[in-house]
Amino acid sequence: MSEEELEELRKRRLLEMQRQYAQEQEQIQAQQQLEMQKQALLRRILTADARQRLSNLKMVKPEFAQQLELQLIQLAQQGKAAIPITDAQLKEILVRLQSRRREIRIRRV
């Protein structure tokens, strides 16, 4: 390969990497925007104590907390939950969700 061909390959590779970086930055920005919107909705839906409980849960079980956040937003949008949701109501929801998860039994045949 000649020096010019190598330089051309380097330029193309650099452009490709810059495009990838730009796309990744756009995805990150979109995710941050969605997270901000979700947090704004949760501030309207939950009381301060309930938000604190949810953030504590998020530290221990992040996947479960994300699912719970989405469920709470859906309940509020559908009008199935009284707004704002108090800490006691959130506890009841958590107890109901936990009882569903513990019913799994494995039997040996």
PDB file of N, CA and C in Angstrom:
ATOM      1  N   MET A   1       0.836  -1.184   0.000  1.00  0.00           N
ATOM      2  CA  MET A   1       0.000   0.000   0.000  1.00  0.00           C
ATOM      3  C   MET A   1       0.881   1.247   0.000  1.00  0.00           C
ATOM      4  N   SER A   2       0.414   2.198  -0.693  1.00  0.00           N
ATOM      5  CA  SER A   2       1.164   3.451  -0.748  1.00  0.00           C
ATOM      6  C   SER A   2       0.792   4.327   0.448  1.00  0.00           C
ATOM      7  N   GLU A   3       1.546   5.346   0.644  1.00  0.00           N
ATOM      8  CA  GLU A   3       1.325   6.278   1.748  1.00  0.00           C
ATOM      9  C   GLU A   3      -0.021   6.985   1.616  1.00  0.00           C
ATOM     10  N   GLU A   4      -0.405   7.301   0.375  1.00  0.00           N
ATOM     11  CA  GLU A   4      -1.688   7.985   0.127  1.00  0.00           C
ATOM     12  C   GLU A   4      -2.866   7.078   0.476  1.00  0.00           C
ATOM     13  N   GLU A   5      -2.771   5.799   0.129  1.00  0.00           N
ATOM     14  CA  GLU A   5      -3.846   4.856   0.443  1.00  0.00           C
ATOM     15  C   GLU A   5      -3.993   4.682   1.957  1.00  0.00           C
ATOM     16  N   LEU A   6      -2.880   4.586   2.637  1.00  0.00           N
ATOM     17  CA  LEU A   6      -2.921   4.479   4.093  1.00  0.00           C
ATOM     18  C   LEU A   6      -3.567   5.708   4.723  1.00  0.00           C
ATOM     19  N   GLU A   7      -3.224   6.847   4.242  1.00  0.00           N
ATOM     20  CA  GLU A   7      -3.790   8.099   4.756  1.00  0.00           C
ATOM     21  C   GLU A   7      -5.299   8.143   4.503  1.00  0.00           C
ATOM     22  N   GLU A   8      -5.708   7.686   3.321  1.00  0.00           N
ATOM     23  CA  GLU A   8      -7.139   7.658   2.985  1.00  0.00           C
ATOM     24  C   GLU A   8      -7.883   6.693   3.910  1.00  0.00           C
ATOM     25  N   LEU A   9      -7.302   5.541   4.163  1.00  0.00           N
ATOM     26  CA  LEU A   9      -7.920   4.575   5.088  1.00  0.00           C
ATOM     27  C   LEU A   9      -8.035   5.160   6.497  1.00  0.00           C
ATOM     28  N   ARG A  10      -7.010   5.843   6.937  1.00  0.00           N
ATOM     29  CA  ARG A  10      -7.050   6.478   8.258  1.00  0.00           C
ATOM     30  C   ARG A  10      -8.153   7.515   8.346  1.00  0.00           C
ATOM     31  N   LYS A  11      -8.288   8.311   7.290  1.00  0.00           N
ATOM     32  CA  LYS A  11      -9.332   9.347   7.278  1.00  0.00           C
ATOM     33  C   LYS A  11     -10.715   8.720   7.331  1.00  0.00           C
ATOM     34  N   ARG A  12     -10.925   7.647   6.530  1.00  0.00           N
ATOM     35  CA  ARG A  12     -12.232   6.984   6.531  1.00  0.00           C
ATOM     36  C   ARG A  12     -12.541   6.377   7.893  1.00  0.00           C
ATOM     37  N   ARG A  13     -11.539   5.757   8.488  1.00  0.00           N
ATOM     38  CA  ARG A  13     -11.725   5.151   9.798  1.00  0.00           C
ATOM     39  C   ARG A  13     -12.029   6.215  10.858  1.00  0.00           C
ATOM     40  N   LEU A  14     -11.344   7.325  10.778  1.00  0.00           N
ATOM     41  CA  LEU A  14     -11.595   8.426  11.705  1.00  0.00           C
ATOM     42  C   LEU A  14     -13.012   8.961  11.553  1.00  0.00           C
ATOM     43  N   LEU A  15     -13.457   9.142  10.303  1.00  0.00           N
ATOM     44  CA  LEU A  15     -14.827   9.611  10.070  1.00  0.00           C
ATOM     45  C   LEU A  15     -15.852   8.615  10.595  1.00  0.00           C
ATOM     46  N   GLU A  16     -15.583   7.336  10.389  1.00  0.00           N
ATOM     47  CA  GLU A  16     -16.486   6.301  10.870  1.00  0.00           C
ATOM     48  C   GLU A  16     -16.567   6.324  12.399  1.00  0.00           C
ATOM     49  N   MET A  17     -15.443   6.461  13.050  1.00  0.00           N
ATOM     50  CA  MET A  17     -15.420   6.520  14.511  1.00  0.00           C
ATOM     51  C   MET A  17     -16.131   7.770  15.027  1.00  0.00           C
ATOM     52  N   GLN A  18     -15.973   8.888  14.327  1.00  0.00           N
ATOM     53  CA  GLN A  18     -16.654  10.117  14.731  1.00  0.00           C
ATOM     54  C   GLN A  18     -18.164   9.972  14.585  1.00  0.00           C
ATOM     55  N   ARG A  19     -18.612   9.313  13.505  1.00  0.00           N
ATOM     56  CA  ARG A  19     -20.048   9.077  13.321  1.00  0.00           C
ATOM     57  C   ARG A  19     -20.591   8.188  14.430  1.00  0.00           C
ATOM     58  N   GLN A  20     -19.863   7.129  14.758  1.00  0.00           N
ATOM     59  CA  GLN A  20     -20.290   6.237  15.834  1.00  0.00           C
ATOM     60  C   GLN A  20     -20.387   6.984  17.161  1.00  0.00           C
ATOM     61  N   TYR A  21     -19.407   7.794  17.437  1.00  0.00           N
ATOM     62  CA  TYR A  21     -19.392   8.569  18.672  1.00  0.00           C
ATOM     63  C   TYR A  21     -20.593   9.513  18.725  1.00  0.00           C
ATOM     64  N   ALA A  22     -20.873  10.166  17.607  1.00  0.00           N
ATOM     65  CA  ALA A  22     -22.012  11.091  17.555  1.00  0.00           C
ATOM     66  C   ALA A  22     -23.323  10.347  17.794  1.00  0.00           C
ATOM     67  N   GLN A  23     -23.463   9.157  17.205  1.00  0.00           N
ATOM     68  CA  GLN A  23     -24.680   8.366  17.403  1.00  0.00           C
ATOM     69  C   GLN A  23     -24.814   7.935  18.862  1.00  0.00           C
ATOM     70  N   GLU A  24     -23.723   7.517  19.455  1.00  0.00           N
ATOM     71  CA  GLU A  24     -23.763   7.114  20.858  1.00  0.00           C
ATOM     72  C   GLU A  24     -24.142   8.283  21.755  1.00  0.00           C
ATOM     73  N   GLN A  25     -23.611   9.457  21.454  1.00  0.00           N
ATOM     74  CA  GLN A  25     -23.941  10.644  22.244  1.00  0.00           C
ATOM     75  C   GLN A  25     -25.419  10.990  22.109  1.00  0.00           C
ATOM     76  N   GLU A  26     -25.973  10.842  20.904  1.00  0.00           N
ATOM     77  CA  GLU A  26     -27.401  11.106  20.703  1.00  0.00           C
ATOM     78  C   GLU A  26     -28.243  10.122  21.501  1.00  0.00           C
ATOM     79  N   GLN A  27     -27.842   8.846  21.510  1.00  0.00           N
ATOM     80  CA  GLN A  27     -28.578   7.850  22.281  1.00  0.00           C
ATOM     81  C   GLN A  27     -28.516   8.147  23.774  1.00  0.00           C
ATOM     82  N   ILE A  28     -27.347   8.512  24.242  1.00  0.00           N
ATOM     83  CA  ILE A  28     -27.189   8.843  25.665  1.00  0.00           C
ATOM     84  C   ILE A  28     -28.056  10.038  26.030  1.00  0.00           C
ATOM     85  N   GLN A  29     -28.049  11.042  25.154  1.00  0.00           N
ATOM     86  CA  GLN A  29     -28.847  12.240  25.414  1.00  0.00           C
ATOM     87  C   GLN A  29     -30.339  11.909  25.421  1.00  0.00           C
ATOM     88  N   ALA A  30     -30.778  11.051  24.499  1.00  0.00           N
ATOM     89  CA  ALA A  30     -32.184  10.652  24.455  1.00  0.00           C
ATOM     90  C   ALA A  30     -32.561   9.890  25.724  1.00  0.00           C
ATOM     91  N   GLN A  31     -31.684   9.002  26.190  1.00  0.00           N
ATOM     92  CA  GLN A  31     -31.956   8.259  27.409  1.00  0.00           C
ATOM     93  C   GLN A  31     -32.030   9.193  28.619  1.00  0.00           C
ATOM     94  N   GLN A  32     -31.150  10.167  28.661  1.00  0.00           N
ATOM     95  CA  GLN A  32     -31.170  11.126  29.766  1.00  0.00           C
ATOM     96  C   GLN A  32     -32.454  11.941  29.743  1.00  0.00           C
ATOM     97  N   GLN A  33     -32.893  12.315  28.560  1.00  0.00           N
ATOM     98  CA  GLN A  33     -34.133  13.088  28.428  1.00  0.00           C
ATOM     99  C   GLN A  33     -35.322  12.261  28.919  1.00  0.00           C
ATOM    100  N   LEU A  34     -35.372  10.984  28.522  1.00  0.00           N
ATOM    101  CA  LEU A  34     -36.454  10.119  28.979  1.00  0.00           C
ATOM    102  C   LEU A  34     -36.423   9.944  30.494  1.00  0.00           C
ATOM    103  N   GLU A  35     -35.238   9.791  31.042  1.00  0.00           N
ATOM    104  CA  GLU A  35     -35.104   9.637  32.492  1.00  0.00           C
ATOM    105  C   GLU A  35     -35.576  10.901  33.217  1.00  0.00           C
ATOM    106  N   MET A  36     -35.247  12.067  32.673  1.00  0.00           N
ATOM    107  CA  MET A  36     -35.698  13.319  33.284  1.00  0.00           C
ATOM    108  C   MET A  36     -37.216  13.439  33.239  1.00  0.00           C
ATOM    109  N   GLN A  37     -37.825  13.040  32.128  1.00  0.00           N
ATOM    110  CA  GLN A  37     -39.283  13.086  32.014  1.00  0.00           C
ATOM    111  C   GLN A  37     -39.926  12.119  32.999  1.00  0.00           C
ATOM    112  N   LYS A  38     -39.330  10.932  33.120  1.00  0.00           N
ATOM    113  CA  LYS A  38     -39.859   9.937  34.048  1.00  0.00           C
ATOM    114  C   LYS A  38     -39.773  10.447  35.480  1.00  0.00           C
ATOM    115  N   GLN A  39     -38.652  11.047  35.845  1.00  0.00           N
ATOM    116  CA  GLN A  39     -38.495  11.579  37.197  1.00  0.00           C
ATOM    117  C   GLN A  39     -39.475  12.720  37.470  1.00  0.00           C
ATOM    118  N   ALA A  40     -39.725  13.547  36.461  1.00  0.00           N
ATOM    119  CA  ALA A  40     -40.692  14.640  36.626  1.00  0.00           C
ATOM    120  C   ALA A  40     -42.095  14.077  36.873  1.00  0.00           C
ATOM    121  N   LEU A  41     -42.444  13.034  36.129  1.00  0.00           N
ATOM    122  CA  LEU A  41     -43.747  12.398  36.346  1.00  0.00           C
ATOM    123  C   LEU A  41     -43.827  11.781  37.739  1.00  0.00           C
ATOM    124  N   LEU A  42     -42.773  11.130  38.155  1.00  0.00           N
ATOM    125  CA  LEU A  42     -42.779  10.501  39.481  1.00  0.00           C
ATOM    126  C   LEU A  42     -42.874  11.537  40.589  1.00  0.00           C
ATOM    127  N   ARG A  43     -42.285  12.725  40.380  1.00  0.00           N
ATOM    128  CA  ARG A  43     -42.410  13.787  41.388  1.00  0.00           C
ATOM    129  C   ARG A  43     -43.856  14.226  41.546  1.00  0.00           C
ATOM    130  N   ARG A  44     -44.611  14.196  40.437  1.00  0.00           N
ATOM    131  CA  ARG A  44     -46.024  14.570  40.519  1.00  0.00           C
ATOM    132  C   ARG A  44     -46.876  13.444  41.089  1.00  0.00           C
ATOM    133  N   ILE A  45     -46.480  12.202  40.823  1.00  0.00           N
ATOM    134  CA  ILE A  45     -47.281  11.042  41.205  1.00  0.00           C
ATOM    135  C   ILE A  45     -47.068  10.657  42.669  1.00  0.00           C
ATOM    136  N   LEU A  46     -45.827  10.737  43.157  1.00  0.00           N
ATOM    137  CA  LEU A  46     -45.491  10.241  44.493  1.00  0.00           C
ATOM    138  C   LEU A  46     -45.259  11.371  45.493  1.00  0.00           C
ATOM    139  N   THR A  47     -45.556  11.072  46.743  1.00  0.00           N
ATOM    140  CA  THR A  47     -45.212  12.014  47.803  1.00  0.00           C
ATOM    141  C   THR A  47     -43.705  11.912  48.054  1.00  0.00           C
ATOM    142  N   ALA A  48     -43.185  12.826  48.845  1.00  0.00           N
ATOM    143  CA  ALA A  48     -41.745  12.843  49.127  1.00  0.00           C
ATOM    144  C   ALA A  48     -41.299  11.552  49.814  1.00  0.00           C
ATOM    145  N   ASP A  49     -42.078  11.059  50.779  1.00  0.00           N
ATOM    146  CA  ASP A  49     -41.722   9.815  51.472  1.00  0.00           C
ATOM    147  C   ASP A  49     -41.733   8.625  50.520  1.00  0.00           C
ATOM    148  N   ALA A  50     -42.706   8.586  49.634  1.00  0.00           N
ATOM    149  CA  ALA A  50     -42.794   7.492  48.673  1.00  0.00           C
ATOM    150  C   ALA A  50     -41.622   7.545  47.691  1.00  0.00           C
ATOM    151  N   ARG A  51     -41.244   8.741  47.281  1.00  0.00           N
ATOM    152  CA  ARG A  51     -40.076   8.878  46.383  1.00  0.00           C
ATOM    153  C   ARG A  51     -38.808   8.405  47.079  1.00  0.00           C
ATOM    154  N   GLN A  52     -38.686   8.724  48.360  1.00  0.00           N
ATOM    155  CA  GLN A  52     -37.521   8.286  49.123  1.00  0.00           C
ATOM    156  C   GLN A  52     -37.479   6.761  49.202  1.00  0.00           C
ATOM    157  N   ARG A  53     -38.630   6.144  49.463  1.00  0.00           N
ATOM    158  CA  ARG A  53     -38.696   4.678  49.523  1.00  0.00           C
ATOM    159  C   ARG A  53     -38.315   4.081  48.171  1.00  0.00           C
ATOM    160  N   LEU A  54     -38.791   4.681  47.102  1.00  0.00           N
ATOM    161  CA  LEU A  54     -38.480   4.185  45.763  1.00  0.00           C
ATOM    162  C   LEU A  54     -36.990   4.331  45.456  1.00  0.00           C
ATOM    163  N   SER A  55     -36.383   5.431  45.869  1.00  0.00           N
ATOM    164  CA  SER A  55     -34.951   5.608  45.619  1.00  0.00           C
ATOM    165  C   SER A  55     -34.129   4.620  46.453  1.00  0.00           C
ATOM    166  N   ASN A  56     -34.575   4.305  47.667  1.00  0.00           N
ATOM    167  CA  ASN A  56     -33.898   3.281  48.474  1.00  0.00           C
ATOM    168  C   ASN A  56     -33.995   1.913  47.798  1.00  0.00           C
ATOM    169  N   LEU A  57     -35.171   1.627  47.279  1.00  0.00           N
ATOM    170  CA  LEU A  57     -35.385   0.368  46.578  1.00  0.00           C
ATOM    171  C   LEU A  57     -34.518   0.298  45.323  1.00  0.00           C
ATOM    172  N   LYS A  58     -34.348   1.441  44.675  1.00  0.00           N
ATOM    173  CA  LYS A  58     -33.545   1.497  43.458  1.00  0.00           C
ATOM    174  C   LYS A  58     -32.089   1.135  43.730  1.00  0.00           C
ATOM    175  N   MET A  59     -31.598   1.467  44.912  1.00  0.00           N
ATOM    176  CA  MET A  59     -30.217   1.130  45.270  1.00  0.00           C
ATOM    177  C   MET A  59     -30.050  -0.372  45.482  1.00  0.00           C
ATOM    178  N   VAL A  60     -31.087  -1.022  46.006  1.00  0.00           N
ATOM    179  CA  VAL A  60     -31.000  -2.438  46.329  1.00  0.00           C
ATOM    180  C   VAL A  60     -31.367  -3.311  45.131  1.00  0.00           C
ATOM    181  N   LYS A  61     -32.469  -2.960  44.470  1.00  0.00           N
ATOM    182  CA  LYS A  61     -32.960  -3.747  43.336  1.00  0.00           C
ATOM    183  C   LYS A  61     -33.274  -2.805  42.172  1.00  0.00           C
ATOM    184  N   PRO A  62     -32.263  -2.400  41.410  1.00  0.00           N
ATOM    185  CA  PRO A  62     -32.487  -1.399  40.356  1.00  0.00           C
ATOM    186  C   PRO A  62     -33.466  -1.847  39.262  1.00  0.00           C
ATOM    187  N   GLU A  63     -33.402  -3.111  38.848  1.00  0.00           N
ATOM    188  CA  GLU A  63     -34.302  -3.569  37.781  1.00  0.00           C
ATOM    189  C   GLU A  63     -35.754  -3.578  38.260  1.00  0.00           C
ATOM    190  N   PHE A  64     -35.956  -4.073  39.472  1.00  0.00           N
ATOM    191  CA  PHE A  64     -37.295  -4.117  40.042  1.00  0.00           C
ATOM    192  C   PHE A  64     -37.850  -2.701  40.202  1.00  0.00           C
ATOM    193  N   ALA A  65     -37.011  -1.779  40.654  1.00  0.00           N
ATOM    194  CA  ALA A  65     -37.441  -0.394  40.849  1.00  0.00           C
ATOM    195  C   ALA A  65     -37.822   0.249  39.524  1.00  0.00           C
ATOM    196  N   GLN A  66     -37.080  -0.037  38.466  1.00  0.00           N
ATOM    197  CA  GLN A  66     -37.423   0.523  37.148  1.00  0.00           C
ATOM    198  C   GLN A  66     -38.784   0.015  36.686  1.00  0.00           C
ATOM    199  N   GLN A  67     -39.032  -1.275  36.867  1.00  0.00           N
ATOM    200  CA  GLN A  67     -40.329  -1.831  36.492  1.00  0.00           C
ATOM    201  C   GLN A  67     -41.442  -1.202  37.313  1.00  0.00           C
ATOM    202  N   LEU A  68     -41.187  -1.014  38.597  1.00  0.00           N
ATOM    203  CA  LEU A  68     -42.172  -0.402  39.480  1.00  0.00           C
ATOM    204  C   LEU A  68     -42.475   1.033  39.044  1.00  0.00           C
ATOM    205  N   GLU A  69     -41.429   1.785  38.697  1.00  0.00           N
ATOM    206  CA  GLU A  69     -41.628   3.162  38.234  1.00  0.00           C
ATOM    207  C   GLU A  69     -42.537   3.189  37.013  1.00  0.00           C
ATOM    208  N   LEU A  70     -42.268   2.317  36.063  1.00  0.00           N
ATOM    209  CA  LEU A  70     -43.100   2.277  34.853  1.00  0.00           C
ATOM    210  C   LEU A  70     -44.540   1.896  35.186  1.00  0.00           C
ATOM    211  N   GLN A  71     -44.720   0.947  36.101  1.00  0.00           N
ATOM    212  CA  GLN A  71     -46.072   0.552  36.497  1.00  0.00           C
ATOM    213  C   GLN A  71     -46.799   1.696  37.189  1.00  0.00           C
ATOM    214  N   LEU A  72     -46.102   2.423  38.047  1.00  0.00           N
ATOM    215  CA  LEU A  72     -46.726   3.554  38.741  1.00  0.00           C
ATOM    216  C   LEU A  72     -47.149   4.633  37.743  1.00  0.00           C
ATOM    217  N   ILE A  73     -46.302   4.907  36.776  1.00  0.00           N
ATOM    218  CA  ILE A  73     -46.643   5.911  35.756  1.00  0.00           C
ATOM    219  C   ILE A  73     -47.848   5.463  34.954  1.00  0.00           C
ATOM    220  N   GLN A  74     -47.888   4.183  34.588  1.00  0.00           N
ATOM    221  CA  GLN A  74     -49.035   3.666  33.839  1.00  0.00           C
ATOM    222  C   GLN A  74     -50.313   3.750  34.663  1.00  0.00           C
ATOM    223  N   LEU A  75     -50.245   3.383  35.940  1.00  0.00           N
ATOM    224  CA  LEU A  75     -51.424   3.461  36.812  1.00  0.00           C
ATOM    225  C   LEU A  75     -51.946   4.890  36.895  1.00  0.00           C
ATOM    226  N   ALA A  76     -51.034   5.830  37.046  1.00  0.00           N
ATOM    227  CA  ALA A  76     -51.443   7.233  37.152  1.00  0.00           C
ATOM    228  C   ALA A  76     -52.032   7.741  35.841  1.00  0.00           C
ATOM    229  N   GLN A  77     -51.442   7.370  34.720  1.00  0.00           N
ATOM    230  CA  GLN A  77     -51.948   7.830  33.427  1.00  0.00           C
ATOM    231  C   GLN A  77     -53.311   7.234  33.109  1.00  0.00           C
ATOM    232  N   GLN A  78     -53.540   6.007  33.572  1.00  0.00           N
ATOM    233  CA  GLN A  78     -54.821   5.360  33.334  1.00  0.00           C
ATOM    234  C   GLN A  78     -55.875   5.765  34.358  1.00  0.00           C
ATOM    235  N   GLY A  79     -55.474   6.504  35.371  1.00  0.00           N
ATOM    236  CA  GLY A  79     -56.399   6.943  36.397  1.00  0.00           C
ATOM    237  C   GLY A  79     -56.764   5.856  37.390  1.00  0.00           C
ATOM    238  N   LYS A  80     -55.963   4.824  37.484  1.00  0.00           N
ATOM    239  CA  LYS A  80     -56.246   3.712  38.390  1.00  0.00           C
ATOM    240  C   LYS A  80     -55.648   3.902  39.779  1.00  0.00           C
ATOM    241  N   ALA A  81     -54.907   4.967  39.978  1.00  0.00           N
ATOM    242  CA  ALA A  81     -54.291   5.224  41.281  1.00  0.00           C
ATOM    243  C   ALA A  81     -54.617   6.653  41.704  1.00  0.00           C
ATOM    244  N   ALA A  82     -54.858   6.808  43.008  1.00  0.00           N
ATOM    245  CA  ALA A  82     -55.103   8.143  43.543  1.00  0.00           C
ATOM    246  C   ALA A  82     -53.772   8.889  43.582  1.00  0.00           C
ATOM    247  N   ILE A  83     -53.792  10.093  43.077  1.00  0.00           N
ATOM    248  CA  ILE A  83     -52.561  10.883  43.018  1.00  0.00           C
ATOM    249  C   ILE A  83     -52.634  11.954  44.091  1.00  0.00           C
ATOM    250  N   PRO A  84     -51.635  12.194  44.859  1.00  0.00           N
ATOM    251  CA  PRO A  84     -50.331  11.532  44.887  1.00  0.00           C
ATOM    252  C   PRO A  84     -50.391  10.220  45.655  1.00  0.00           C
ATOM    253  N   ILE A  85     -49.531   9.296  45.277  1.00  0.00           N
ATOM    254  CA  ILE A  85     -49.431   8.006  45.952  1.00  0.00           C
ATOM    255  C   ILE A  85     -48.573   8.215  47.198  1.00  0.00           C
ATOM    256  N   THR A  86     -49.137   7.835  48.331  1.00  0.00           N
ATOM    257  CA  THR A  86     -48.422   8.019  49.603  1.00  0.00           C
ATOM    258  C   THR A  86     -47.464   6.849  49.843  1.00  0.00           C
ATOM    259  N   ASP A  87     -46.660   7.008  50.877  1.00  0.00           N
ATOM    260  CA  ASP A  87     -45.718   5.959  51.243  1.00  0.00           C
ATOM    261  C   ASP A  87     -46.467   4.686  51.637  1.00  0.00           C
ATOM    262  N   ALA A  88     -47.557   4.822  52.356  1.00  0.00           N
ATOM    263  CA  ALA A  88     -48.342   3.655  52.776  1.00  0.00           C
ATOM    264  C   ALA A  88     -48.910   2.927  51.558  1.00  0.00           C
ATOM    265  N   GLN A  89     -49.414   3.678  50.583  1.00  0.00           N
ATOM    266  CA  GLN A  89     -49.947   3.055  49.371  1.00  0.00           C
ATOM    267  C   GLN A  89     -48.837   2.347  48.594  1.00  0.00           C
ATOM    268  N   LEU A  90     -47.671   2.954  48.551  1.00  0.00           N
ATOM    269  CA  LEU A  90     -46.537   2.346  47.860  1.00  0.00           C
ATOM    270  C   LEU A  90     -46.133   1.050  48.559  1.00  0.00           C
ATOM    271  N   LYS A  91     -46.170   1.046  49.894  1.00  0.00           N
ATOM    272  CA  LYS A  91     -45.868  -0.172  50.650  1.00  0.00           C
ATOM    273  C   LYS A  91     -46.838  -1.283  50.278  1.00  0.00           C
ATOM    274  N   GLU A  92     -48.126  -0.940  50.177  1.00  0.00           N
ATOM    275  CA  GLU A  92     -49.146  -1.936  49.806  1.00  0.00           C
ATOM    276  C   GLU A  92     -48.867  -2.499  48.422  1.00  0.00           C
ATOM    277  N   ILE A  93     -48.510  -1.637  47.490  1.00  0.00           N
ATOM    278  CA  ILE A  93     -48.194  -2.080  46.132  1.00  0.00           C
ATOM    279  C   ILE A  93     -46.992  -3.019  46.162  1.00  0.00           C
ATOM    280  N   LEU A  94     -45.980  -2.658  46.929  1.00  0.00           N
ATOM    281  CA  LEU A  94     -44.783  -3.498  47.026  1.00  0.00           C
ATOM    282  C   LEU A  94     -45.106  -4.859  47.641  1.00  0.00           C
ATOM    283  N   VAL A  95     -45.951  -4.873  48.662  1.00  0.00           N
ATOM    284  CA  VAL A  95     -46.338  -6.140  49.296  1.00  0.00           C
ATOM    285  C   VAL A  95     -47.071  -7.015  48.288  1.00  0.00           C
ATOM    286  N   ARG A  96     -47.975  -6.423  47.515  1.00  0.00           N
ATOM    287  CA  ARG A  96     -48.696  -7.196  46.495  1.00  0.00           C
ATOM    288  C   ARG A  96     -47.750  -7.757  45.443  1.00  0.00           C
ATOM    289  N   LEU A  97     -46.802  -6.944  45.005  1.00  0.00           N
ATOM    290  CA  LEU A  97     -45.848  -7.409  44.000  1.00  0.00           C
ATOM    291  C   LEU A  97     -44.937  -8.490  44.558  1.00  0.00           C
ATOM    292  N   GLN A  98     -44.516  -8.363  45.802  1.00  0.00           N
ATOM    293  CA  GLN A  98     -43.656  -9.366  46.423  1.00  0.00           C
ATOM    294  C   GLN A  98     -44.389 -10.690  46.607  1.00  0.00           C
ATOM    295  N   SER A  99     -45.665 -10.627  46.964  1.00  0.00           N
ATOM    296  CA  SER A  99     -46.417 -11.867  47.177  1.00  0.00           C
ATOM    297  C   SER A  99     -46.568 -12.633  45.864  1.00  0.00           C
ATOM    298  N   ARG A 100     -46.678 -11.937  44.749  1.00  0.00           N
ATOM    299  CA  ARG A 100     -46.761 -12.606  43.442  1.00  0.00           C
ATOM    300  C   ARG A 100     -45.458 -13.310  43.111  1.00  0.00           C
ATOM    301  N   ARG A 101     -44.360 -12.702  43.441  1.00  0.00           N
ATOM    302  CA  ARG A 101     -43.051 -13.252  43.086  1.00  0.00           C
ATOM    303  C   ARG A 101     -42.708 -14.481  43.928  1.00  0.00           C
ATOM    304  N   ARG A 102     -43.217 -14.582  45.122  1.00  0.00           N
ATOM    305  CA  ARG A 102     -42.847 -15.681  46.017  1.00  0.00           C
ATOM    306  C   ARG A 102     -43.684 -16.923  45.803  1.00  0.00           C
ATOM    307  N   GLU A 103     -44.681 -16.873  44.956  1.00  0.00           N
ATOM    308  CA  GLU A 103     -45.553 -18.015  44.746  1.00  0.00           C
ATOM    309  C   GLU A 103     -44.952 -19.064  43.823  1.00  0.00           C
ATOM    310  N   ILE A 104     -43.794 -18.828  43.300  1.00  0.00           N
ATOM    311  CA  ILE A 104     -43.159 -19.767  42.387  1.00  0.00           C
ATOM    312  C   ILE A 104     -42.651 -20.966  43.178  1.00  0.00           C
ATOM    313  N   ARG A 105     -43.068 -22.156  42.757  1.00  0.00           N
ATOM    314  CA  ARG A 105     -42.651 -23.371  43.425  1.00  0.00           C
ATOM    315  C   ARG A 105     -42.129 -24.345  42.391  1.00  0.00           C
ATOM    316  N   ILE A 106     -41.088 -25.048  42.769  1.00  0.00           N
ATOM    317  CA  ILE A 106     -40.505 -26.045  41.885  1.00  0.00           C
ATOM    318  C   ILE A 106     -40.712 -27.405  42.532  1.00  0.00           C
ATOM    319  N   ARG A 107     -41.287 -28.313  41.773  1.00  0.00           N
ATOM    320  CA  ARG A 107     -41.535 -29.671  42.294  1.00  0.00           C
ATOM    321  C   ARG A 107     -40.691 -30.659  41.508  1.00  0.00           C
ATOM    322  N   ARG A 108     -40.155 -31.598  42.234  1.00  0.00           N
ATOM    323  CA  ARG A 108     -39.405 -32.673  41.577  1.00  0.00           C
ATOM    324  C   ARG A 108     -40.358 -33.813  41.272  1.00  0.00           C
ATOM    325  N   VAL A 109     -40.171 -34.388  40.133  1.00  0.00           N
ATOM    326  CA  VAL A 109     -41.039 -35.489  39.716  1.00  0.00           C
ATOM    327  C   VAL A 109     -40.315 -36.797  39.871  1.00  0.00           C
TER     328      VAL A 109
END
